[in-house]
C-alpha atoms as a PDB file:
ATOM      1  CA  MET A   1      11.121 -10.915  -2.584  1.00  0.00           C
ATOM      2  CA  SER A   2       7.775  -9.579  -4.254  1.00  0.00           C
ATOM      3  CA  VAL A   3       4.671 -11.721  -5.739  1.00  0.00           C
ATOM      4  CA  PHE A   4       2.560 -10.231  -7.955  1.00  0.00           C
ATOM      5  CA  ASN A   5      -0.211 -11.443 -10.090  1.00  0.00           C
ATOM      6  CA  THR A   6      -2.813  -9.671 -12.389  1.00  0.00           C
ATOM      7  CA  GLY A   7      -3.643  -6.566 -10.714  1.00  0.00           C
ATOM      8  CA  PRO A   8      -1.985  -3.019  -8.967  1.00  0.00           C
ATOM      9  CA  HIS A   9      -1.130  -5.493  -5.621  1.00  0.00           C
ATOM     10  CA  ALA A  10       2.235  -6.980  -4.564  1.00  0.00           C
ATOM     11  CA  ASN A  11       3.416  -8.709  -1.580  1.00  0.00           C
ATOM     12  CA  THR A  12       6.866  -7.883  -0.706  1.00  0.00           C
ATOM     13  CA  THR A  13       8.555  -9.943   2.300  1.00  0.00           C
ATOM     14  CA  ASP A  14      12.028 -10.041   3.291  1.00  0.00           C
ATOM     15  CA  PHE A  15      13.783 -12.929   4.070  1.00  0.00           C
ATOM     16  CA  ARG A  16      16.737 -14.064   6.544  1.00  0.00           C
ATOM     17  CA  ALA A  17      19.391 -16.800   5.840  1.00  0.00           C
ATOM     18  CA  GLY A  18      17.797 -20.263   5.828  1.00  0.00           C
ATOM     19  CA  ASP A  19      13.882 -18.531   4.828  1.00  0.00           C
ATOM     20  CA  VAL A  20      12.355 -20.703   2.256  1.00  0.00           C
ATOM     21  CA  GLY A  21       9.626 -18.302   0.015  1.00  0.00           C
ATOM     22  CA  LEU A  22       6.517 -19.861  -1.944  1.00  0.00           C
ATOM     23  CA  VAL A  23       5.442 -18.022  -5.444  1.00  0.00           C
ATOM     24  CA  ARG A  24       1.859 -20.043  -6.116  1.00  0.00           C
ATOM     25  CA  ARG A  25       1.792 -21.063  -9.617  1.00  0.00           C
ATOM     26  CA  ASN A  26       0.770 -18.603 -12.354  1.00  0.00           C
ATOM     27  CA  CYS A  27       2.413 -15.699 -10.281  1.00  0.00           C
ATOM     28  CA  GLY A  28       5.019 -13.582 -11.205  1.00  0.00           C
ATOM     29  CA  HIS A  29       7.680 -12.829  -8.873  1.00  0.00           C
ATOM     30  CA  TYR A  30      11.057 -10.456  -8.175  1.00  0.00           C
ATOM     31  CA  VAL A  31      13.847 -11.068  -5.995  1.00  0.00           C
ATOM     32  CA  GLU A  32      16.374  -8.450  -5.431  1.00  0.00           C
ATOM     33  CA  ASN A  33      18.774  -8.898  -2.775  1.00  0.00           C
ATOM     34  CA  THR A  34      18.992  -5.764  -0.380  1.00  0.00           C
ATOM     35  CA  GLY A  35      21.698  -7.061   1.730  1.00  0.00           C
ATOM     36  CA  ASP A  36      25.531  -7.228   2.351  1.00  0.00           C
ATOM     37  CA  ASP A  37      26.191 -11.135   1.836  1.00  0.00           C
ATOM     38  CA  ASP A  38      25.998 -12.707  -1.276  1.00  0.00           C
ATOM     39  CA  LEU A  39      22.442 -14.116  -2.315  1.00  0.00           C
ATOM     40  CA  GLY A  40      22.238 -17.959  -2.675  1.00  0.00           C
ATOM     41  CA  PHE A  41      18.733 -18.573  -4.325  1.00  0.00           C
ATOM     42  CA  ILE A  42      16.838 -21.899  -5.946  1.00  0.00           C
ATOM     43  CA  GLU A  43      13.973 -21.635  -7.924  1.00  0.00           C
ATOM     44  CA  THR A  44      12.177 -25.111  -8.207  1.00  0.00           C
ATOM     45  CA  PHE A  45       9.210 -26.153 -10.500  1.00  0.00           C
ATOM     46  CA  ARG A  46       6.419 -28.868 -10.727  1.00  0.00           C
ATOM     47  CA  SER A  47       6.724 -28.036 -14.556  1.00  0.00           C
ATOM     48  CA  ASP A  48       8.866 -29.499 -17.539  1.00  0.00           C
ATOM     49  CA  HIS A  49       8.655 -25.780 -18.654  1.00  0.00           C
ATOM     50  CA  TYR A  50       9.677 -22.935 -17.530  1.00  0.00           C
ATOM     51  CA  GLU A  51       9.469 -19.181 -19.374  1.00  0.00           C
ATOM     52  CA  GLU A  52      11.526 -15.931 -18.050  1.00  0.00           C
ATOM     53  CA  VAL A  53      10.160 -12.814 -19.601  1.00  0.00           C
ATOM     54  CA  SER A  54      12.190  -9.653 -19.166  1.00  0.00           C
ATOM     55  CA  LEU A  55      10.793  -6.286 -18.012  1.00  0.00           C
ATOM     56  CA  ALA A  56      12.427  -4.518 -21.010  1.00  0.00           C
ATOM     57  CA  ASN A  57      11.036  -7.293 -23.526  1.00  0.00           C
ATOM     58  CA  TRP A  58       7.607  -6.909 -21.908  1.00  0.00           C
ATOM     59  CA  LEU A  59       7.542  -3.145 -22.591  1.00  0.00           C
ATOM     60  CA  SER A  60       8.825  -3.141 -25.713  1.00  0.00           C
ATOM     61  CA  ARG A  61       5.711  -5.193 -27.312  1.00  0.00           C
ATOM     62  CA  LEU A  62       3.544  -2.717 -25.530  1.00  0.00           C
ATOM     63  CA  PRO A  63       1.887   0.384 -27.449  1.00  0.00           C
ATOM     64  CA  PRO A  64       4.205   2.762 -27.165  1.00  0.00           C
ATOM     65  CA  LYS A  65       0.905   5.487 -25.602  1.00  0.00           C
ATOM     66  CA  LEU A  66       0.399   2.636 -23.079  1.00  0.00           C
ATOM     67  CA  VAL A  67       4.334   2.190 -22.115  1.00  0.00           C
ATOM     68  CA  SER A  68       4.303   6.275 -21.845  1.00  0.00           C
ATOM     69  CA  ALA A  69       1.295   6.081 -19.585  1.00  0.00           C
ATOM     70  CA  LEU A  70       2.334   3.017 -17.280  1.00  0.00           C
ATOM     71  CA  LEU A  71       5.750   4.962 -16.991  1.00  0.00           C
ATOM     72  CA  ARG A  72       3.767   8.566 -15.542  1.00  0.00           C
ATOM     73  CA  ALA A  73       1.782   5.985 -13.286  1.00  0.00           C
ATOM     74  CA  LEU A  74       4.999   4.661 -11.800  1.00  0.00           C
ATOM     75  CA  SER A  75       6.969   7.898 -11.441  1.00  0.00           C
ATOM     76  CA  VAL A  76       3.667   9.165  -9.487  1.00  0.00           C
ATOM     77  CA  ALA A  77       3.525   6.518  -7.216  1.00  0.00           C
ATOM     78  CA  ARG A  78       7.238   6.614  -6.794  1.00  0.00           C
ATOM     79  CA  GLY A  79       6.861  10.188  -5.477  1.00  0.00           C
ATOM     80  CA  ALA A  80       4.204   9.306  -3.496  1.00  0.00           C
ATOM     81  CA  LEU A  81       6.508   6.423  -1.508  1.00  0.00           C
ATOM     82  CA  GLY A  82       9.241   8.513  -1.004  1.00  0.00           C
ATOM     83  CA  GLN A  83      13.036   6.970  -0.277  1.00  0.00           C
ATOM     84  CA  ASP A  84      13.201   4.910   2.799  1.00  0.00           C
ATOM     85  CA  ARG A  85      15.795   2.619   1.669  1.00  0.00           C
ATOM     86  CA  ALA A  86      19.055   2.906  -0.678  1.00  0.00           C
ATOM     87  CA  ILE A  87      18.943   0.571  -3.583  1.00  0.00           C
ATOM     88  CA  ARG A  88      22.145  -1.478  -3.991  1.00  0.00           C
ATOM     89  CA  ARG A  89      23.279  -2.272  -7.661  1.00  0.00           C
ATOM     90  CA  ALA A  90      25.520  -5.091  -8.398  1.00  0.00           C
ATOM     91  CA  GLY A  91      29.443  -4.328  -8.367  1.00  0.00           C
ATOM     92  CA  ALA A  92      28.355  -1.247  -6.309  1.00  0.00           C
END
């Protein structure tokens, strides 16, 4: 699970069966199953309001020049990080 707030930093933690993670109020998070077993995931909130924002929806509302600059920066960062593990996709 990766937890992010404003700014360029995110904290990513690997979990095992039975672990519990906490996402502080007003922080975003992303969960990816990197294992071979099915993932059971439960979210609870202290609020009566929940809003999910998809990345595609968010990007579609930004100015095109900003999206292009962001994607170029991500491409550079990805190249600098390298790839040390495979990405699993649903149905793969």
